[in-house]
Amino acid sequence: MAGEREEPRARRAFTSEFKAEVVELCRTSGLSIAQVCRQMSLGETAVRRWVAQADVDEGRRDGLTSDERAELSRVRKENRVLREERDILKRAMAFFARETR
């Protein structure tokens, strides 16, 4: 019926080895990215991102490499945990300061 929405497709996870194989196929097969995506039932946007990230990792394009992205993610998570711990300590200090009066 008109106006009804389709169910969103489940998000799929791919290994880094699979992504590397798809990128290599896009580069060496002589097929366009769109053609490779159709043959393998993959989303074109995701594969274009994989190719662009591979270019960055290989130094062909400017940007953060996969290792740098992983490190940035790890540091941001660590920073978030440290802020939470600091806030808990601040609240505990304020609580005990009120109790001693």
C-alpha atoms as a PDB file:
ATOM      1  CA  MET A   1       0.000   0.000   0.000  1.00  0.00           C
ATOM      2  CA  ALA A   2       1.048   3.560  -0.580  1.00  0.00           C
ATOM      3  CA  GLY A   3       2.497   5.328   2.432  1.00  0.00           C
ATOM      4  CA  GLU A   4       3.542   2.168   4.248  1.00  0.00           C
ATOM      5  CA  ARG A   5       7.156   1.953   5.218  1.00  0.00           C
ATOM      6  CA  GLU A   6       9.334  -1.040   4.602  1.00  0.00           C
ATOM      7  CA  GLU A   7      11.018  -2.746   7.508  1.00  0.00           C
ATOM      8  CA  PRO A   8      14.538  -1.401   7.922  1.00  0.00           C
ATOM      9  CA  ARG A   9      17.156  -3.872   6.825  1.00  0.00           C
ATOM     10  CA  ALA A  10      19.110  -5.430   9.688  1.00  0.00           C
ATOM     11  CA  ARG A  11      22.555  -3.950  10.119  1.00  0.00           C
ATOM     12  CA  ARG A  12      25.207  -6.388   8.986  1.00  0.00           C
ATOM     13  CA  ALA A  13      28.740  -6.609  10.330  1.00  0.00           C
ATOM     14  CA  PHE A  14      31.669  -7.456   8.086  1.00  0.00           C
ATOM     15  CA  THR A  15      35.178  -8.524   8.986  1.00  0.00           C
ATOM     16  CA  SER A  16      38.117  -6.354   8.037  1.00  0.00           C
ATOM     17  CA  GLU A  17      39.335  -9.176   5.772  1.00  0.00           C
ATOM     18  CA  PHE A  18      36.039  -9.178   3.862  1.00  0.00           C
ATOM     19  CA  LYS A  19      36.169  -5.387   3.496  1.00  0.00           C
ATOM     20  CA  ALA A  20      39.749  -5.589   2.183  1.00  0.00           C
ATOM     21  CA  GLU A  21      38.698  -8.216  -0.375  1.00  0.00           C
ATOM     22  CA  VAL A  22      35.795  -6.053  -1.566  1.00  0.00           C
ATOM     23  CA  VAL A  23      38.078  -3.003  -1.851  1.00  0.00           C
ATOM     24  CA  GLU A  24      40.600  -5.039  -3.851  1.00  0.00           C
ATOM     25  CA  LEU A  25      37.808  -6.329  -6.089  1.00  0.00           C
ATOM     26  CA  CYS A  26      36.621  -2.761  -6.711  1.00  0.00           C
ATOM     27  CA  ARG A  27      40.139  -1.683  -7.641  1.00  0.00           C
ATOM     28  CA  THR A  28      41.198  -4.618  -9.821  1.00  0.00           C
ATOM     29  CA  SER A  29      38.084  -6.086 -11.424  1.00  0.00           C
ATOM     30  CA  GLY A  30      37.463  -3.319 -13.908  1.00  0.00           C
ATOM     31  CA  LEU A  31      33.911  -3.058 -12.585  1.00  0.00           C
ATOM     32  CA  SER A  32      32.501   0.087 -11.040  1.00  0.00           C
ATOM     33  CA  ILE A  33      31.823   0.188  -7.319  1.00  0.00           C
ATOM     34  CA  ALA A  34      28.093   0.158  -8.074  1.00  0.00           C
ATOM     35  CA  GLN A  35      28.428  -3.002 -10.167  1.00  0.00           C
ATOM     36  CA  VAL A  36      30.461  -4.773  -7.471  1.00  0.00           C
ATOM     37  CA  CYS A  37      27.860  -3.762  -4.871  1.00  0.00           C
ATOM     38  CA  ARG A  38      24.996  -5.121  -6.950  1.00  0.00           C
ATOM     39  CA  GLN A  39      26.799  -8.417  -7.534  1.00  0.00           C
ATOM     40  CA  MET A  40      27.573  -8.870  -3.834  1.00  0.00           C
ATOM     41  CA  SER A  41      24.316  -7.398  -2.462  1.00  0.00           C
ATOM     42  CA  LEU A  42      26.143  -4.676  -0.559  1.00  0.00           C
ATOM     43  CA  GLY A  43      25.252  -1.067   0.077  1.00  0.00           C
ATOM     44  CA  GLU A  44      27.069   1.286  -2.231  1.00  0.00           C
ATOM     45  CA  THR A  45      27.588   3.955   0.426  1.00  0.00           C
ATOM     46  CA  ALA A  46      29.305   1.515   2.790  1.00  0.00           C
ATOM     47  CA  VAL A  47      31.604   0.154   0.088  1.00  0.00           C
ATOM     48  CA  ARG A  48      32.539   3.667  -1.038  1.00  0.00           C
ATOM     49  CA  ARG A  49      33.449   4.411   2.597  1.00  0.00           C
ATOM     50  CA  TRP A  50      35.562   1.236   2.739  1.00  0.00           C
ATOM     51  CA  VAL A  51      37.433   2.244  -0.422  1.00  0.00           C
ATOM     52  CA  ALA A  52      37.993   5.785   0.865  1.00  0.00           C
ATOM     53  CA  GLN A  53      39.254   4.484   4.227  1.00  0.00           C
ATOM     54  CA  ALA A  54      41.598   2.066   2.455  1.00  0.00           C
ATOM     55  CA  ASP A  55      42.977   5.027   0.477  1.00  0.00           C
ATOM     56  CA  VAL A  56      43.617   6.903   3.738  1.00  0.00           C
ATOM     57  CA  ASP A  57      45.245   3.857   5.350  1.00  0.00           C
ATOM     58  CA  GLU A  58      47.545   3.454   2.338  1.00  0.00           C
ATOM     59  CA  GLY A  59      48.506   7.142   2.283  1.00  0.00           C
ATOM     60  CA  ARG A  60      46.716   7.915  -0.984  1.00  0.00           C
ATOM     61  CA  ARG A  61      44.351  10.367   0.703  1.00  0.00           C
ATOM     62  CA  ASP A  62      44.471  12.681   3.734  1.00  0.00           C
ATOM     63  CA  GLY A  63      42.561  11.766   6.877  1.00  0.00           C
ATOM     64  CA  LEU A  64      42.694   9.619   9.989  1.00  0.00           C
ATOM     65  CA  THR A  65      43.893   6.074   9.449  1.00  0.00           C
ATOM     66  CA  SER A  66      41.978   3.151  10.915  1.00  0.00           C
ATOM     67  CA  ASP A  67      44.582   2.827  13.684  1.00  0.00           C
ATOM     68  CA  GLU A  68      44.294   6.532  14.507  1.00  0.00           C
ATOM     69  CA  ARG A  69      40.489   6.262  14.580  1.00  0.00           C
ATOM     70  CA  ALA A  70      40.690   3.277  16.952  1.00  0.00           C
ATOM     71  CA  GLU A  71      43.115   5.140  19.222  1.00  0.00           C
ATOM     72  CA  LEU A  72      40.906   8.246  19.208  1.00  0.00           C
ATOM     73  CA  SER A  73      37.887   6.141  20.101  1.00  0.00           C
ATOM     74  CA  ARG A  74      39.787   4.446  22.940  1.00  0.00           C
ATOM     75  CA  VAL A  75      41.014   7.785  24.326  1.00  0.00           C
ATOM     76  CA  ARG A  76      37.527   9.316  24.159  1.00  0.00           C
ATOM     77  CA  LYS A  77      36.065   6.352  26.033  1.00  0.00           C
ATOM     78  CA  GLU A  78      38.813   6.551  28.666  1.00  0.00           C
ATOM     79  CA  ASN A  79      38.204  10.292  28.998  1.00  0.00           C
ATOM     80  CA  ARG A  80      34.470   9.708  29.496  1.00  0.00           C
ATOM     81  CA  VAL A  81      35.147   7.141  32.247  1.00  0.00           C
ATOM     82  CA  LEU A  82      37.606   9.460  33.986  1.00  0.00           C
ATOM     83  CA  ARG A  83      35.093  12.330  33.936  1.00  0.00           C
ATOM     84  CA  GLU A  84      32.424  10.074  35.438  1.00  0.00           C
ATOM     85  CA  GLU A  85      34.820   8.954  38.168  1.00  0.00           C
ATOM     86  CA  ARG A  86      35.773  12.572  38.895  1.00  0.00           C
ATOM     87  CA  ASP A  87      32.114  13.595  39.132  1.00  0.00           C
ATOM     88  CA  ILE A  88      31.387  10.737  41.540  1.00  0.00           C
ATOM     89  CA  LEU A  89      34.303  11.797  43.726  1.00  0.00           C
ATOM     90  CA  LYS A  90      33.118  15.432  43.686  1.00  0.00           C
ATOM     91  CA  ARG A  91      29.646  14.369  44.824  1.00  0.00           C
ATOM     92  CA  ALA A  92      31.067  12.140  47.544  1.00  0.00           C
ATOM     93  CA  MET A  93      33.328  14.936  48.760  1.00  0.00           C
ATOM     94  CA  ALA A  94      30.395  17.357  48.900  1.00  0.00           C
ATOM     95  CA  PHE A  95      28.289  14.768  50.756  1.00  0.00           C
ATOM     96  CA  PHE A  96      30.942  14.134  53.399  1.00  0.00           C
ATOM     97  CA  ALA A  97      31.693  17.863  53.743  1.00  0.00           C
ATOM     98  CA  ARG A  98      28.005  18.467  54.600  1.00  0.00           C
ATOM     99  CA  GLU A  99      28.011  15.600  57.112  1.00  0.00           C
ATOM    100  CA  THR A 100      30.992  16.906  59.087  1.00  0.00           C
ATOM    101  CA  ARG A 101      29.412  20.293  59.787  1.00  0.00           C
END
